[in-house]
Amino acid sequence: MHHGAAAYASTARVTATASPRELEASLLLKAAAKIQSVKDQWPQKAGELGAALAYNRKLWTILSTSATKPDNPLPLAIKNNIANLGLFIFQRTVDIEIEPAPEKLGILVSINSNIAAGLAGRG
């Protein structure tokens, strides 16, 4: 595993006592690690791209849906930002699925790792 992917994977471990924010951060880092691994070992791991993108898409579907529910206490601006990020990720994922290329993956890794850092209070 490449050093970048290993770093994401090692940070993505979750304890049984994780808070919801820690869990979300961990899952985002796990998704980032899957995508980074494919990117770092392209084209050998190109066959794993679909699974990595599907995992990330499912995670962002849950995050976007949860964050934008009317009863979610987040401020409207943050809800809108999460919804917009989710839309971007879904559009980028479709673009990658249509024309796979490792250079398109970095933005997904960056978004996930930056959001995870913010959730963990490191952003």
PDB file of N, CA and C in Angstrom:
ATOM      1  N   MET A   1       0.855  -1.176   0.000  1.00  0.00           N
ATOM      2  CA  MET A   1       0.000   0.000   0.000  1.00  0.00           C
ATOM      3  C   MET A   1       0.898   1.235   0.000  1.00  0.00           C
ATOM      4  N   HIS A   2       0.570   2.219  -0.804  1.00  0.00           N
ATOM      5  CA  HIS A   2       1.326   3.471  -0.889  1.00  0.00           C
ATOM      6  C   HIS A   2       1.236   4.197   0.447  1.00  0.00           C
ATOM      7  N   HIS A   3       2.225   5.026   0.731  1.00  0.00           N
ATOM      8  CA  HIS A   3       2.257   5.741   2.012  1.00  0.00           C
ATOM      9  C   HIS A   3       1.015   6.590   2.255  1.00  0.00           C
ATOM     10  N   GLY A   4       0.532   7.282   1.218  1.00  0.00           N
ATOM     11  CA  GLY A   4      -0.666   8.107   1.374  1.00  0.00           C
ATOM     12  C   GLY A   4      -1.879   7.286   1.759  1.00  0.00           C
ATOM     13  N   ALA A   5      -2.069   6.169   1.062  1.00  0.00           N
ATOM     14  CA  ALA A   5      -3.210   5.306   1.368  1.00  0.00           C
ATOM     15  C   ALA A   5      -3.064   4.700   2.752  1.00  0.00           C
ATOM     16  N   ALA A   6      -1.843   4.343   3.118  1.00  0.00           N
ATOM     17  CA  ALA A   6      -1.610   3.770   4.449  1.00  0.00           C
ATOM     18  C   ALA A   6      -1.926   4.781   5.540  1.00  0.00           C
ATOM     19  N   ALA A   7      -1.577   6.037   5.313  1.00  0.00           N
ATOM     20  CA  ALA A   7      -1.863   7.073   6.303  1.00  0.00           C
ATOM     21  C   ALA A   7      -3.368   7.246   6.492  1.00  0.00           C
ATOM     22  N   TYR A   8      -4.105   7.273   5.385  1.00  0.00           N
ATOM     23  CA  TYR A   8      -5.555   7.396   5.492  1.00  0.00           C
ATOM     24  C   TYR A   8      -6.141   6.181   6.196  1.00  0.00           C
ATOM     25  N   ALA A   9      -5.667   4.994   5.836  1.00  0.00           N
ATOM     26  CA  ALA A   9      -6.203   3.771   6.419  1.00  0.00           C
ATOM     27  C   ALA A   9      -5.922   3.714   7.914  1.00  0.00           C
ATOM     28  N   SER A  10      -4.724   4.111   8.333  1.00  0.00           N
ATOM     29  CA  SER A  10      -4.395   4.037   9.752  1.00  0.00           C
ATOM     30  C   SER A  10      -5.219   5.026  10.562  1.00  0.00           C
ATOM     31  N   THR A  11      -5.549   6.158   9.982  1.00  0.00           N
ATOM     32  CA  THR A  11      -6.365   7.143  10.687  1.00  0.00           C
ATOM     33  C   THR A  11      -7.818   6.732  10.692  1.00  0.00           C
ATOM     34  N   ALA A  12      -8.198   5.835   9.819  1.00  0.00           N
ATOM     35  CA  ALA A  12      -9.604   5.486   9.657  1.00  0.00           C
ATOM     36  C   ALA A  12     -10.088   4.421  10.630  1.00  0.00           C
ATOM     37  N   ARG A  13      -9.246   3.975  11.531  1.00  0.00           N
ATOM     38  CA  ARG A  13      -9.682   2.950  12.483  1.00  0.00           C
ATOM     39  C   ARG A  13     -10.622   3.581  13.522  1.00  0.00           C
ATOM     40  N   VAL A  14     -11.670   2.845  13.860  1.00  0.00           N
ATOM     41  CA  VAL A  14     -12.687   3.379  14.774  1.00  0.00           C
ATOM     42  C   VAL A  14     -12.726   2.535  16.040  1.00  0.00           C
ATOM     43  N   THR A  15     -12.904   3.203  17.169  1.00  0.00           N
ATOM     44  CA  THR A  15     -13.099   2.475  18.411  1.00  0.00           C
ATOM     45  C   THR A  15     -14.589   2.338  18.677  1.00  0.00           C
ATOM     46  N   ALA A  16     -14.922   1.429  19.544  1.00  0.00           N
ATOM     47  CA  ALA A  16     -16.331   1.183  19.857  1.00  0.00           C
ATOM     48  C   ALA A  16     -16.961   2.371  20.566  1.00  0.00           C
ATOM     49  N   THR A  17     -16.147   3.263  21.116  1.00  0.00           N
ATOM     50  CA  THR A  17     -16.667   4.405  21.862  1.00  0.00           C
ATOM     51  C   THR A  17     -16.640   5.700  21.059  1.00  0.00           C
ATOM     52  N   ALA A  18     -16.532   5.596  19.751  1.00  0.00           N
ATOM     53  CA  ALA A  18     -16.443   6.784  18.911  1.00  0.00           C
ATOM     54  C   ALA A  18     -17.736   7.589  18.954  1.00  0.00           C
ATOM     55  N   SER A  19     -17.586   8.912  18.959  1.00  0.00           N
ATOM     56  CA  SER A  19     -18.746   9.797  18.867  1.00  0.00           C
ATOM     57  C   SER A  19     -19.255   9.780  17.431  1.00  0.00           C
ATOM     58  N   PRO A  20     -20.468  10.287  17.188  1.00  0.00           N
ATOM     59  CA  PRO A  20     -20.960  10.342  15.807  1.00  0.00           C
ATOM     60  C   PRO A  20     -20.016  11.110  14.877  1.00  0.00           C
ATOM     61  N   ARG A  21     -19.451  12.212  15.353  1.00  0.00           N
ATOM     62  CA  ARG A  21     -18.502  12.980  14.539  1.00  0.00           C
ATOM     63  C   ARG A  21     -17.252  12.157  14.234  1.00  0.00           C
ATOM     64  N   GLU A  22     -16.751  11.450  15.235  1.00  0.00           N
ATOM     65  CA  GLU A  22     -15.569  10.605  15.027  1.00  0.00           C
ATOM     66  C   GLU A  22     -15.875   9.484  14.043  1.00  0.00           C
ATOM     67  N   LEU A  23     -17.053   8.917  14.151  1.00  0.00           N
ATOM     68  CA  LEU A  23     -17.460   7.847  13.245  1.00  0.00           C
ATOM     69  C   LEU A  23     -17.555   8.377  11.815  1.00  0.00           C
ATOM     70  N   GLU A  24     -18.189   9.527  11.640  1.00  0.00           N
ATOM     71  CA  GLU A  24     -18.290  10.126  10.307  1.00  0.00           C
ATOM     72  C   GLU A  24     -16.902  10.408   9.740  1.00  0.00           C
ATOM     73  N   ALA A  25     -16.027  10.971  10.581  1.00  0.00           N
ATOM     74  CA  ALA A  25     -14.661  11.263  10.134  1.00  0.00           C
ATOM     75  C   ALA A  25     -13.942   9.978   9.728  1.00  0.00           C
ATOM     76  N   SER A  26     -14.112   8.950  10.523  1.00  0.00           N
ATOM     77  CA  SER A  26     -13.466   7.672  10.236  1.00  0.00           C
ATOM     78  C   SER A  26     -13.957   7.064   8.923  1.00  0.00           C
ATOM     79  N   LEU A  27     -15.258   7.133   8.695  1.00  0.00           N
ATOM     80  CA  LEU A  27     -15.820   6.578   7.458  1.00  0.00           C
ATOM     81  C   LEU A  27     -15.365   7.378   6.238  1.00  0.00           C
ATOM     82  N   LEU A  28     -15.270   8.694   6.380  1.00  0.00           N
ATOM     83  CA  LEU A  28     -14.755   9.518   5.289  1.00  0.00           C
ATOM     84  C   LEU A  28     -13.299   9.171   4.982  1.00  0.00           C
ATOM     85  N   LEU A  29     -12.510   8.947   6.023  1.00  0.00           N
ATOM     86  CA  LEU A  29     -11.111   8.568   5.812  1.00  0.00           C
ATOM     87  C   LEU A  29     -10.993   7.179   5.192  1.00  0.00           C
ATOM     88  N   LYS A  30     -11.896   6.283   5.581  1.00  0.00           N
ATOM     89  CA  LYS A  30     -11.901   4.947   4.979  1.00  0.00           C
ATOM     90  C   LYS A  30     -12.197   5.037   3.487  1.00  0.00           C
ATOM     91  N   ALA A  31     -13.188   5.845   3.124  1.00  0.00           N
ATOM     92  CA  ALA A  31     -13.522   6.032   1.712  1.00  0.00           C
ATOM     93  C   ALA A  31     -12.348   6.671   0.974  1.00  0.00           C
ATOM     94  N   ALA A  32     -11.726   7.666   1.599  1.00  0.00           N
ATOM     95  CA  ALA A  32     -10.561   8.318   0.992  1.00  0.00           C
ATOM     96  C   ALA A  32      -9.430   7.319   0.782  1.00  0.00           C
ATOM     97  N   ALA A  33      -9.212   6.443   1.754  1.00  0.00           N
ATOM     98  CA  ALA A  33      -8.140   5.445   1.654  1.00  0.00           C
ATOM     99  C   ALA A  33      -8.391   4.479   0.503  1.00  0.00           C
ATOM    100  N   LYS A  34      -9.644   4.067   0.332  1.00  0.00           N
ATOM    101  CA  LYS A  34      -9.983   3.159  -0.776  1.00  0.00           C
ATOM    102  C   LYS A  34      -9.694   3.826  -2.125  1.00  0.00           C
ATOM    103  N   ILE A  35     -10.110   5.076  -2.260  1.00  0.00           N
ATOM    104  CA  ILE A  35      -9.909   5.802  -3.511  1.00  0.00           C
ATOM    105  C   ILE A  35      -8.421   6.078  -3.730  1.00  0.00           C
ATOM    106  N   GLN A  36      -7.729   6.499  -2.672  1.00  0.00           N
ATOM    107  CA  GLN A  36      -6.295   6.795  -2.775  1.00  0.00           C
ATOM    108  C   GLN A  36      -5.506   5.554  -3.172  1.00  0.00           C
ATOM    109  N   SER A  37      -5.872   4.405  -2.644  1.00  0.00           N
ATOM    110  CA  SER A  37      -5.199   3.154  -2.976  1.00  0.00           C
ATOM    111  C   SER A  37      -5.314   2.848  -4.472  1.00  0.00           C
ATOM    112  N   VAL A  38      -6.512   3.042  -5.014  1.00  0.00           N
ATOM    113  CA  VAL A  38      -6.720   2.826  -6.451  1.00  0.00           C
ATOM    114  C   VAL A  38      -5.867   3.826  -7.237  1.00  0.00           C
ATOM    115  N   LYS A  39      -5.886   5.084  -6.831  1.00  0.00           N
ATOM    116  CA  LYS A  39      -5.137   6.136  -7.521  1.00  0.00           C
ATOM    117  C   LYS A  39      -3.639   5.836  -7.495  1.00  0.00           C
ATOM    118  N   ASP A  40      -3.126   5.468  -6.318  1.00  0.00           N
ATOM    119  CA  ASP A  40      -1.691   5.229  -6.154  1.00  0.00           C
ATOM    120  C   ASP A  40      -1.195   4.020  -6.938  1.00  0.00           C
ATOM    121  N   GLN A  41      -2.068   3.054  -7.156  1.00  0.00           N
ATOM    122  CA  GLN A  41      -1.641   1.815  -7.805  1.00  0.00           C
ATOM    123  C   GLN A  41      -2.339   1.608  -9.147  1.00  0.00           C
ATOM    124  N   TRP A  42      -2.631   2.723  -9.812  1.00  0.00           N
ATOM    125  CA  TRP A  42      -3.233   2.688 -11.134  1.00  0.00           C
ATOM    126  C   TRP A  42      -2.183   2.222 -12.127  1.00  0.00           C
ATOM    127  N   PRO A  43      -2.419   1.385 -13.060  1.00  0.00           N
ATOM    128  CA  PRO A  43      -3.675   0.756 -13.459  1.00  0.00           C
ATOM    129  C   PRO A  43      -3.910  -0.604 -12.805  1.00  0.00           C
ATOM    130  N   GLN A  44      -2.959  -1.081 -11.984  1.00  0.00           N
ATOM    131  CA  GLN A  44      -3.109  -2.412 -11.382  1.00  0.00           C
ATOM    132  C   GLN A  44      -4.397  -2.540 -10.575  1.00  0.00           C
ATOM    133  N   LYS A  45      -4.797  -1.476  -9.902  1.00  0.00           N
ATOM    134  CA  LYS A  45      -5.998  -1.535  -9.062  1.00  0.00           C
ATOM    135  C   LYS A  45      -7.204  -0.872  -9.720  1.00  0.00           C
ATOM    136  N   ALA A  46      -7.120  -0.596 -11.012  1.00  0.00           N
ATOM    137  CA  ALA A  46      -8.243   0.050 -11.707  1.00  0.00           C
ATOM    138  C   ALA A  46      -9.521  -0.767 -11.578  1.00  0.00           C
ATOM    139  N   GLY A  47      -9.392  -2.073 -11.451  1.00  0.00           N
ATOM    140  CA  GLY A  47     -10.558  -2.935 -11.294  1.00  0.00           C
ATOM    141  C   GLY A  47     -11.288  -2.730  -9.977  1.00  0.00           C
ATOM    142  N   GLU A  48     -10.631  -2.096  -9.007  1.00  0.00           N
ATOM    143  CA  GLU A  48     -11.247  -1.820  -7.707  1.00  0.00           C
ATOM    144  C   GLU A  48     -11.908  -0.444  -7.652  1.00  0.00           C
ATOM    145  N   LEU A  49     -11.805   0.302  -8.754  1.00  0.00           N
ATOM    146  CA  LEU A  49     -12.343   1.658  -8.789  1.00  0.00           C
ATOM    147  C   LEU A  49     -13.847   1.685  -8.527  1.00  0.00           C
ATOM    148  N   GLY A  50     -14.596   0.812  -9.189  1.00  0.00           N
ATOM    149  CA  GLY A  50     -16.051   0.798  -9.027  1.00  0.00           C
ATOM    150  C   GLY A  50     -16.474   0.599  -7.582  1.00  0.00           C
ATOM    151  N   ALA A  51     -15.825  -0.322  -6.893  1.00  0.00           N
ATOM    152  CA  ALA A  51     -16.171  -0.589  -5.491  1.00  0.00           C
ATOM    153  C   ALA A  51     -15.817   0.608  -4.604  1.00  0.00           C
ATOM    154  N   ALA A  52     -14.670   1.232  -4.862  1.00  0.00           N
ATOM    155  CA  ALA A  52     -14.259   2.394  -4.065  1.00  0.00           C
ATOM    156  C   ALA A  52     -15.222   3.559  -4.274  1.00  0.00           C
ATOM    157  N   LEU A  53     -15.610   3.786  -5.520  1.00  0.00           N
ATOM    158  CA  LEU A  53     -16.553   4.869  -5.813  1.00  0.00           C
ATOM    159  C   LEU A  53     -17.937   4.577  -5.241  1.00  0.00           C
ATOM    160  N   ALA A  54     -18.360   3.329  -5.311  1.00  0.00           N
ATOM    161  CA  ALA A  54     -19.674   2.953  -4.765  1.00  0.00           C
ATOM    162  C   ALA A  54     -19.709   3.174  -3.253  1.00  0.00           C
ATOM    163  N   TYR A  55     -18.638   2.794  -2.562  1.00  0.00           N
ATOM    164  CA  TYR A  55     -18.560   2.999  -1.112  1.00  0.00           C
ATOM    165  C   TYR A  55     -18.671   4.490  -0.788  1.00  0.00           C
ATOM    166  N   ASN A  56     -17.916   5.296  -1.518  1.00  0.00           N
ATOM    167  CA  ASN A  56     -17.919   6.738  -1.294  1.00  0.00           C
ATOM    168  C   ASN A  56     -19.295   7.335  -1.593  1.00  0.00           C
ATOM    169  N   ARG A  57     -19.909   6.894  -2.675  1.00  0.00           N
ATOM    170  CA  ARG A  57     -21.235   7.403  -3.056  1.00  0.00           C
ATOM    171  C   ARG A  57     -22.267   7.046  -1.987  1.00  0.00           C
ATOM    172  N   LYS A  58     -22.238   5.820  -1.481  1.00  0.00           N
ATOM    173  CA  LYS A  58     -23.187   5.417  -0.432  1.00  0.00           C
ATOM    174  C   LYS A  58     -22.984   6.265   0.828  1.00  0.00           C
ATOM    175  N   LEU A  59     -21.727   6.468   1.181  1.00  0.00           N
ATOM    176  CA  LEU A  59     -21.426   7.274   2.362  1.00  0.00           C
ATOM    177  C   LEU A  59     -21.950   8.698   2.195  1.00  0.00           C
ATOM    178  N   TRP A  60     -21.700   9.298   1.034  1.00  0.00           N
ATOM    179  CA  TRP A  60     -22.164  10.664   0.798  1.00  0.00           C
ATOM    180  C   TRP A  60     -23.680  10.739   0.657  1.00  0.00           C
ATOM    181  N   THR A  61     -24.315   9.693   0.204  1.00  0.00           N
ATOM    182  CA  THR A  61     -25.779   9.665   0.166  1.00  0.00           C
ATOM    183  C   THR A  61     -26.326   9.742   1.587  1.00  0.00           C
ATOM    184  N   ILE A  62     -25.730   8.967   2.470  1.00  0.00           N
ATOM    185  CA  ILE A  62     -26.164   8.971   3.877  1.00  0.00           C
ATOM    186  C   ILE A  62     -25.877  10.320   4.525  1.00  0.00           C
ATOM    187  N   LEU A  63     -24.660  10.840   4.329  1.00  0.00           N
ATOM    188  CA  LEU A  63     -24.297  12.123   4.933  1.00  0.00           C
ATOM    189  C   LEU A  63     -25.196  13.252   4.423  1.00  0.00           C
ATOM    190  N   SER A  64     -25.401  13.301   3.114  1.00  0.00           N
ATOM    191  CA  SER A  64     -26.221  14.364   2.524  1.00  0.00           C
ATOM    192  C   SER A  64     -27.666  14.277   2.985  1.00  0.00           C
ATOM    193  N   THR A  65     -28.211  13.083   2.988  1.00  0.00           N
ATOM    194  CA  THR A  65     -29.600  12.884   3.397  1.00  0.00           C
ATOM    195  C   THR A  65     -29.791  13.250   4.860  1.00  0.00           C
ATOM    196  N   SER A  66     -28.887  12.784   5.692  1.00  0.00           N
ATOM    197  CA  SER A  66     -28.975  13.057   7.121  1.00  0.00           C
ATOM    198  C   SER A  66     -28.811  14.546   7.427  1.00  0.00           C
ATOM    199  N   ALA A  67     -27.845  15.171   6.790  1.00  0.00           N
ATOM    200  CA  ALA A  67     -27.556  16.576   7.082  1.00  0.00           C
ATOM    201  C   ALA A  67     -28.657  17.507   6.620  1.00  0.00           C
ATOM    202  N   THR A  68     -29.368  17.135   5.588  1.00  0.00           N
ATOM    203  CA  THR A  68     -30.375  18.042   5.031  1.00  0.00           C
ATOM    204  C   THR A  68     -31.795  17.770   5.512  1.00  0.00           C
ATOM    205  N   LYS A  69     -31.957  16.840   6.425  1.00  0.00           N
ATOM    206  CA  LYS A  69     -33.295  16.595   6.988  1.00  0.00           C
ATOM    207  C   LYS A  69     -33.766  17.848   7.727  1.00  0.00           C
ATOM    208  N   PRO A  70     -35.062  18.140   7.646  1.00  0.00           N
ATOM    209  CA  PRO A  70     -35.584  19.336   8.314  1.00  0.00           C
ATOM    210  C   PRO A  70     -35.303  19.368   9.820  1.00  0.00           C
ATOM    211  N   ASP A  71     -35.267  18.204  10.465  1.00  0.00           N
ATOM    212  CA  ASP A  71     -35.053  18.190  11.910  1.00  0.00           C
ATOM    213  C   ASP A  71     -33.568  18.193  12.301  1.00  0.00           C
ATOM    214  N   ASN A  72     -32.666  18.233  11.334  1.00  0.00           N
ATOM    215  CA  ASN A  72     -31.247  18.304  11.647  1.00  0.00           C
ATOM    216  C   ASN A  72     -30.944  19.708  12.179  1.00  0.00           C
ATOM    217  N   PRO A  73     -30.268  19.800  13.340  1.00  0.00           N
ATOM    218  CA  PRO A  73     -30.053  21.114  13.965  1.00  0.00           C
ATOM    219  C   PRO A  73     -28.947  21.958  13.319  1.00  0.00           C
ATOM    220  N   LEU A  74     -28.289  21.469  12.285  1.00  0.00           N
ATOM    221  CA  LEU A  74     -27.239  22.250  11.646  1.00  0.00           C
ATOM    222  C   LEU A  74     -27.808  23.542  11.057  1.00  0.00           C
ATOM    223  N   PRO A  75     -27.002  24.593  11.040  1.00  0.00           N
ATOM    224  CA  PRO A  75     -27.460  25.837  10.387  1.00  0.00           C
ATOM    225  C   PRO A  75     -27.716  25.587   8.897  1.00  0.00           C
ATOM    226  N   LEU A  76     -28.641  26.350   8.334  1.00  0.00           N
ATOM    227  CA  LEU A  76     -29.035  26.182   6.943  1.00  0.00           C
ATOM    228  C   LEU A  76     -27.835  26.290   5.997  1.00  0.00           C
ATOM    229  N   ALA A  77     -26.925  27.202   6.254  1.00  0.00           N
ATOM    230  CA  ALA A  77     -25.755  27.365   5.378  1.00  0.00           C
ATOM    231  C   ALA A  77     -24.904  26.094   5.334  1.00  0.00           C
ATOM    232  N   ILE A  78     -24.743  25.452   6.467  1.00  0.00           N
ATOM    233  CA  ILE A  78     -23.952  24.215   6.509  1.00  0.00           C
ATOM    234  C   ILE A  78     -24.708  23.094   5.805  1.00  0.00           C
ATOM    235  N   LYS A  79     -26.013  23.028   6.028  1.00  0.00           N
ATOM    236  CA  LYS A  79     -26.823  22.028   5.317  1.00  0.00           C
ATOM    237  C   LYS A  79     -26.678  22.199   3.808  1.00  0.00           C
ATOM    238  N   ASN A  80     -26.743  23.430   3.350  1.00  0.00           N
ATOM    239  CA  ASN A  80     -26.611  23.709   1.919  1.00  0.00           C
ATOM    240  C   ASN A  80     -25.222  23.337   1.399  1.00  0.00           C
ATOM    241  N   ASN A  81     -24.196  23.637   2.188  1.00  0.00           N
ATOM    242  CA  ASN A  81     -22.828  23.286   1.784  1.00  0.00           C
ATOM    243  C   ASN A  81     -22.656  21.777   1.659  1.00  0.00           C
ATOM    244  N   ILE A  82     -23.198  21.034   2.600  1.00  0.00           N
ATOM    245  CA  ILE A  82     -23.101  19.572   2.550  1.00  0.00           C
ATOM    246  C   ILE A  82     -23.864  19.040   1.343  1.00  0.00           C
ATOM    247  N   ALA A  83     -25.048  19.588   1.098  1.00  0.00           N
ATOM    248  CA  ALA A  83     -25.834  19.161  -0.067  1.00  0.00           C
ATOM    249  C   ALA A  83     -25.082  19.460  -1.361  1.00  0.00           C
ATOM    250  N   ASN A  84     -24.471  20.631  -1.448  1.00  0.00           N
ATOM    251  CA  ASN A  84     -23.713  20.989  -2.645  1.00  0.00           C
ATOM    252  C   ASN A  84     -22.477  20.107  -2.828  1.00  0.00           C
ATOM    253  N   LEU A  85     -21.793  19.811  -1.734  1.00  0.00           N
ATOM    254  CA  LEU A  85     -20.650  18.895  -1.815  1.00  0.00           C
ATOM    255  C   LEU A  85     -21.098  17.519  -2.285  1.00  0.00           C
ATOM    256  N   GLY A  86     -22.216  17.054  -1.735  1.00  0.00           N
ATOM    257  CA  GLY A  86     -22.754  15.757  -2.148  1.00  0.00           C
ATOM    258  C   GLY A  86     -23.059  15.738  -3.638  1.00  0.00           C
ATOM    259  N   LEU A  87     -23.691  16.789  -4.132  1.00  0.00           N
ATOM    260  CA  LEU A  87     -23.988  16.868  -5.561  1.00  0.00           C
ATOM    261  C   LEU A  87     -22.712  16.858  -6.400  1.00  0.00           C
ATOM    262  N   PHE A  88     -21.718  17.601  -5.964  1.00  0.00           N
ATOM    263  CA  PHE A  88     -20.449  17.618  -6.686  1.00  0.00           C
ATOM    264  C   PHE A  88     -19.839  16.218  -6.723  1.00  0.00           C
ATOM    265  N   ILE A  89     -19.849  15.554  -5.571  1.00  0.00           N
ATOM    266  CA  ILE A  89     -19.263  14.210  -5.490  1.00  0.00           C
ATOM    267  C   ILE A  89     -20.016  13.240  -6.390  1.00  0.00           C
ATOM    268  N   PHE A  90     -21.335  13.317  -6.414  1.00  0.00           N
ATOM    269  CA  PHE A  90     -22.118  12.431  -7.275  1.00  0.00           C
ATOM    270  C   PHE A  90     -21.815  12.704  -8.746  1.00  0.00           C
ATOM    271  N   GLN A  91     -21.723  13.980  -9.121  1.00  0.00           N
ATOM    272  CA  GLN A  91     -21.413  14.331 -10.512  1.00  0.00           C
ATOM    273  C   GLN A  91     -20.002  13.888 -10.887  1.00  0.00           C
ATOM    274  N   ARG A  92     -19.056  14.105 -10.000  1.00  0.00           N
ATOM    275  CA  ARG A  92     -17.670  13.708 -10.267  1.00  0.00           C
ATOM    276  C   ARG A  92     -17.570  12.192 -10.394  1.00  0.00           C
ATOM    277  N   THR A  93     -18.306  11.475  -9.565  1.00  0.00           N
ATOM    278  CA  THR A  93     -18.298  10.016  -9.609  1.00  0.00           C
ATOM    279  C   THR A  93     -18.794   9.514 -10.955  1.00  0.00           C
ATOM    280  N   VAL A  94     -19.878  10.083 -11.448  1.00  0.00           N
ATOM    281  CA  VAL A  94     -20.402   9.699 -12.765  1.00  0.00           C
ATOM    282  C   VAL A  94     -19.360   9.991 -13.841  1.00  0.00           C
ATOM    283  N   ASP A  95     -18.729  11.159 -13.765  1.00  0.00           N
ATOM    284  CA  ASP A  95     -17.684  11.520 -14.724  1.00  0.00           C
ATOM    285  C   ASP A  95     -16.546  10.503 -14.699  1.00  0.00           C
ATOM    286  N   ILE A  96     -16.139  10.090 -13.523  1.00  0.00           N
ATOM    287  CA  ILE A  96     -15.049   9.114 -13.386  1.00  0.00           C
ATOM    288  C   ILE A  96     -15.486   7.754 -13.926  1.00  0.00           C
ATOM    289  N   GLU A  97     -16.723   7.373 -13.658  1.00  0.00           N
ATOM    290  CA  GLU A  97     -17.207   6.086 -14.159  1.00  0.00           C
ATOM    291  C   GLU A  97     -17.282   6.069 -15.682  1.00  0.00           C
ATOM    292  N   ILE A  98     -17.618   7.205 -16.279  1.00  0.00           N
ATOM    293  CA  ILE A  98     -17.694   7.288 -17.740  1.00  0.00           C
ATOM    294  C   ILE A  98     -16.293   7.266 -18.355  1.00  0.00           C
ATOM    295  N   GLU A  99     -15.383   8.055 -17.788  1.00  0.00           N
ATOM    296  CA  GLU A  99     -14.010   8.127 -18.286  1.00  0.00           C
ATOM    297  C   GLU A  99     -13.041   7.987 -17.120  1.00  0.00           C
ATOM    298  N   PRO A 100     -12.743   6.757 -16.695  1.00  0.00           N
ATOM    299  CA  PRO A 100     -11.849   6.552 -15.555  1.00  0.00           C
ATOM    300  C   PRO A 100     -10.439   7.101 -15.815  1.00  0.00           C
ATOM    301  N   ALA A 101      -9.920   7.819 -14.838  1.00  0.00           N
ATOM    302  CA  ALA A 101      -8.558   8.340 -14.899  1.00  0.00           C
ATOM    303  C   ALA A 101      -8.094   8.633 -13.476  1.00  0.00           C
ATOM    304  N   PRO A 102      -6.882   8.235 -13.120  1.00  0.00           N
ATOM    305  CA  PRO A 102      -6.413   8.420 -11.745  1.00  0.00           C
ATOM    306  C   PRO A 102      -6.342   9.884 -11.315  1.00  0.00           C
ATOM    307  N   GLU A 103      -6.058  10.790 -12.256  1.00  0.00           N
ATOM    308  CA  GLU A 103      -5.949  12.201 -11.885  1.00  0.00           C
ATOM    309  C   GLU A 103      -7.284  12.810 -11.469  1.00  0.00           C
ATOM    310  N   LYS A 104      -8.379  12.159 -11.758  1.00  0.00           N
ATOM    311  CA  LYS A 104      -9.703  12.651 -11.362  1.00  0.00           C
ATOM    312  C   LYS A 104     -10.053  12.272  -9.916  1.00  0.00           C
ATOM    313  N   LEU A 105      -9.276  11.393  -9.321  1.00  0.00           N
ATOM    314  CA  LEU A 105      -9.623  10.862  -8.005  1.00  0.00           C
ATOM    315  C   LEU A 105      -9.170  11.747  -6.849  1.00  0.00           C
ATOM    316  N   GLY A 106      -8.149  12.554  -7.084  1.00  0.00           N
ATOM    317  CA  GLY A 106      -7.575  13.354  -6.003  1.00  0.00           C
ATOM    318  C   GLY A 106      -8.570  14.262  -5.312  1.00  0.00           C
ATOM    319  N   ILE A 107      -9.478  14.860  -6.056  1.00  0.00           N
ATOM    320  CA  ILE A 107     -10.448  15.779  -5.458  1.00  0.00           C
ATOM    321  C   ILE A 107     -11.380  15.057  -4.485  1.00  0.00           C
ATOM    322  N   LEU A 108     -11.739  13.811  -4.793  1.00  0.00           N
ATOM    323  CA  LEU A 108     -12.598  13.053  -3.870  1.00  0.00           C
ATOM    324  C   LEU A 108     -11.856  12.752  -2.575  1.00  0.00           C
ATOM    325  N   VAL A 109     -10.587  12.368  -2.701  1.00  0.00           N
ATOM    326  CA  VAL A 109      -9.754  12.105  -1.521  1.00  0.00           C
ATOM    327  C   VAL A 109      -9.608  13.382  -0.699  1.00  0.00           C
ATOM    328  N   SER A 110      -9.355  14.488  -1.378  1.00  0.00           N
ATOM    329  CA  SER A 110      -9.161  15.768  -0.698  1.00  0.00           C
ATOM    330  C   SER A 110     -10.421  16.212   0.053  1.00  0.00           C
ATOM    331  N   ILE A 111     -11.558  16.132  -0.589  1.00  0.00           N
ATOM    332  CA  ILE A 111     -12.817  16.530   0.069  1.00  0.00           C
ATOM    333  C   ILE A 111     -13.051  15.669   1.299  1.00  0.00           C
ATOM    334  N   ASN A 112     -12.942  14.353   1.143  1.00  0.00           N
ATOM    335  CA  ASN A 112     -13.197  13.460   2.280  1.00  0.00           C
ATOM    336  C   ASN A 112     -12.234  13.721   3.427  1.00  0.00           C
ATOM    337  N   SER A 113     -10.948  13.866   3.110  1.00  0.00           N
ATOM    338  CA  SER A 113      -9.975  14.043   4.186  1.00  0.00           C
ATOM    339  C   SER A 113     -10.128  15.410   4.853  1.00  0.00           C
ATOM    340  N   ASN A 114     -10.470  16.438   4.099  1.00  0.00           N
ATOM    341  CA  ASN A 114     -10.673  17.759   4.698  1.00  0.00           C
ATOM    342  C   ASN A 114     -11.923  17.811   5.569  1.00  0.00           C
ATOM    343  N   ILE A 115     -12.991  17.199   5.117  1.00  0.00           N
ATOM    344  CA  ILE A 115     -14.214  17.139   5.939  1.00  0.00           C
ATOM    345  C   ILE A 115     -13.941  16.322   7.202  1.00  0.00           C
ATOM    346  N   ALA A 116     -13.236  15.207   7.052  1.00  0.00           N
ATOM    347  CA  ALA A 116     -12.888  14.384   8.223  1.00  0.00           C
ATOM    348  C   ALA A 116     -12.048  15.177   9.222  1.00  0.00           C
ATOM    349  N   ALA A 117     -11.090  15.945   8.714  1.00  0.00           N
ATOM    350  CA  ALA A 117     -10.256  16.765   9.610  1.00  0.00           C
ATOM    351  C   ALA A 117     -11.111  17.784  10.347  1.00  0.00           C
ATOM    352  N   GLY A 118     -12.059  18.385   9.643  1.00  0.00           N
ATOM    353  CA  GLY A 118     -12.953  19.335  10.298  1.00  0.00           C
ATOM    354  C   GLY A 118     -13.803  18.675  11.373  1.00  0.00           C
ATOM    355  N   LEU A 119     -14.310  17.502  11.075  1.00  0.00           N
ATOM    356  CA  LEU A 119     -15.120  16.777  12.061  1.00  0.00           C
ATOM    357  C   LEU A 119     -14.305  16.381  13.277  1.00  0.00           C
ATOM    358  N   ALA A 120     -13.028  16.115  13.050  1.00  0.00           N
ATOM    359  CA  ALA A 120     -12.153  15.712  14.146  1.00  0.00           C
ATOM    360  C   ALA A 120     -11.547  16.928  14.869  1.00  0.00           C
ATOM    361  N   GLY A 121     -11.907  18.121  14.401  1.00  0.00           N
ATOM    362  CA  GLY A 121     -11.393  19.333  15.037  1.00  0.00           C
ATOM    363  C   GLY A 121      -9.998  19.717  14.602  1.00  0.00           C
ATOM    364  N   ARG A 122      -9.547  19.153  13.463  1.00  0.00           N
ATOM    365  CA  ARG A 122      -8.204  19.454  12.969  1.00  0.00           C
ATOM    366  C   ARG A 122      -8.237  20.376  11.765  1.00  0.00           C
ATOM    367  N   GLY A 123      -9.432  20.817  11.368  1.00  0.00           N
ATOM    368  CA  GLY A 123      -9.553  21.594  10.143  1.00  0.00           C
ATOM    369  C   GLY A 123      -9.404  23.072  10.321  1.00  0.00           C
TER     370      GLY A 123
END
